[in-house]
């Protein structure tokens, strides 16, 4: 289920980018650029945090608007990369 990563992504966003938001303020449709004001440097920081958290390598070609525009998009991307491997369901 692609949405299984939503809460983990929200936590990573808040922690790695030091956002002053409560997790309840983030939703699958939260737009990283329009709603949170993320720029390219913040996006790179987020990608590095996601790589560390989920043990994946994300190629620069994969950092597209389609994959990283919203929390739901990132969740879907992670689902396609990580799938349902052990531990993923708890995210």
Protein backbone atom coordinates (compact mmCIF):
# COMPACT_ATOMS: atom_id res chain seq x y z
CA UNK A 1 0.00 0.00 0.00
CA UNK A 2 1.73 3.22 -1.16
CA UNK A 3 0.34 5.36 1.68
CA UNK A 4 2.13 3.26 4.28
CA UNK A 5 5.07 5.68 4.24
CA UNK A 6 3.11 8.92 4.74
CA UNK A 7 3.66 9.28 8.50
CA UNK A 8 7.36 8.39 8.24
CA UNK A 9 7.83 10.95 5.47
CA UNK A 10 6.06 13.58 7.55
CA UNK A 11 8.33 12.83 10.51
CA UNK A 12 11.42 12.98 8.30
CA UNK A 13 10.28 16.31 6.84
CA UNK A 14 9.76 17.83 10.27
CA UNK A 15 12.98 16.46 11.77
CA UNK A 16 15.47 16.83 8.93
CA UNK A 17 14.25 20.26 7.82
CA UNK A 18 13.49 21.46 11.35
CA UNK A 19 9.98 22.55 10.38
CA UNK A 20 7.84 24.12 13.08
CA UNK A 21 4.82 22.00 12.27
CA UNK A 22 2.91 19.33 14.10
CA UNK A 23 2.64 15.98 12.28
CA UNK A 24 -1.13 16.49 12.16
CA UNK A 25 -0.57 19.52 9.90
CA UNK A 26 0.91 17.32 7.16
CA UNK A 27 -1.34 15.35 4.82
CA UNK A 28 -0.70 13.14 1.78
CA UNK A 29 -1.59 16.06 -0.51
CA UNK A 30 0.80 18.48 1.24
CA UNK A 31 2.78 20.12 -1.57
CA UNK A 32 6.43 20.42 -0.61
CA UNK A 33 7.05 23.52 -2.70
CA UNK A 34 3.76 25.39 -2.50
CA UNK A 35 2.65 24.47 1.03
CA UNK A 36 6.00 24.11 2.78
CA UNK A 37 8.19 26.38 0.66
CA UNK A 38 10.91 23.79 0.06
CA UNK A 39 13.65 24.87 -2.32
CA UNK A 40 16.13 22.65 -4.15
CA UNK A 41 18.61 22.61 -1.24
CA UNK A 42 15.89 21.52 1.21
CA UNK A 43 14.72 18.87 -1.25
CA UNK A 44 18.24 17.47 -1.46
CA UNK A 45 18.40 17.38 2.34
CA UNK A 46 15.09 15.51 2.38
CA UNK A 47 16.32 13.01 -0.21
CA UNK A 48 19.44 12.31 1.85
CA UNK A 49 17.33 11.78 4.98
CA UNK A 50 15.00 9.41 3.09
CA UNK A 51 17.97 7.44 1.77
CA UNK A 52 19.34 7.06 5.29
CA UNK A 53 15.97 6.15 6.83
CA UNK A 54 14.94 3.56 4.25
CA UNK A 55 18.32 2.29 3.09
CA UNK A 56 17.77 3.18 -0.55
CA UNK A 57 19.86 5.05 -3.09
CA UNK A 58 17.97 7.64 -5.07
CA UNK A 59 19.50 8.64 -8.38
CA UNK A 60 19.40 12.30 -9.33
CA UNK A 61 17.25 11.36 -12.35
CA UNK A 62 14.60 10.06 -9.93
CA UNK A 63 14.30 13.39 -8.08
CA UNK A 64 11.45 14.64 -10.22
CA UNK A 65 8.31 16.60 -9.52
CA UNK A 66 6.29 13.44 -10.15
CA UNK A 67 8.20 11.59 -7.39
CA UNK A 68 8.78 14.38 -4.88
CA UNK A 69 6.03 17.03 -5.18
CA UNK A 70 3.76 15.79 -2.39
CA UNK A 71 3.98 13.44 0.57
CA UNK A 72 1.75 10.99 -1.33
CA UNK A 73 4.08 11.13 -4.36
CA UNK A 74 7.11 10.35 -2.19
CA UNK A 75 5.20 7.54 -0.52
CA UNK A 76 4.30 6.03 -3.89
CA UNK A 77 7.90 6.36 -5.05
CA UNK A 78 9.18 4.63 -1.91
CA UNK A 79 6.60 1.89 -2.28
CA UNK A 80 7.89 1.20 -5.78
CA UNK A 81 11.50 1.17 -4.55
CA UNK A 82 11.22 -0.45 -1.14
CA UNK A 83 7.92 -2.31 -1.45
CA UNK A 84 6.76 -4.29 1.53
CA UNK A 85 10.11 -5.49 2.77
CA UNK A 86 10.50 -6.22 6.46
CA UNK A 87 9.85 -3.21 8.66
CA UNK A 88 8.22 -1.08 5.99
CA UNK A 89 4.69 -1.75 7.20
CA UNK A 90 5.44 -0.10 10.52
CA UNK A 91 6.17 3.25 8.89
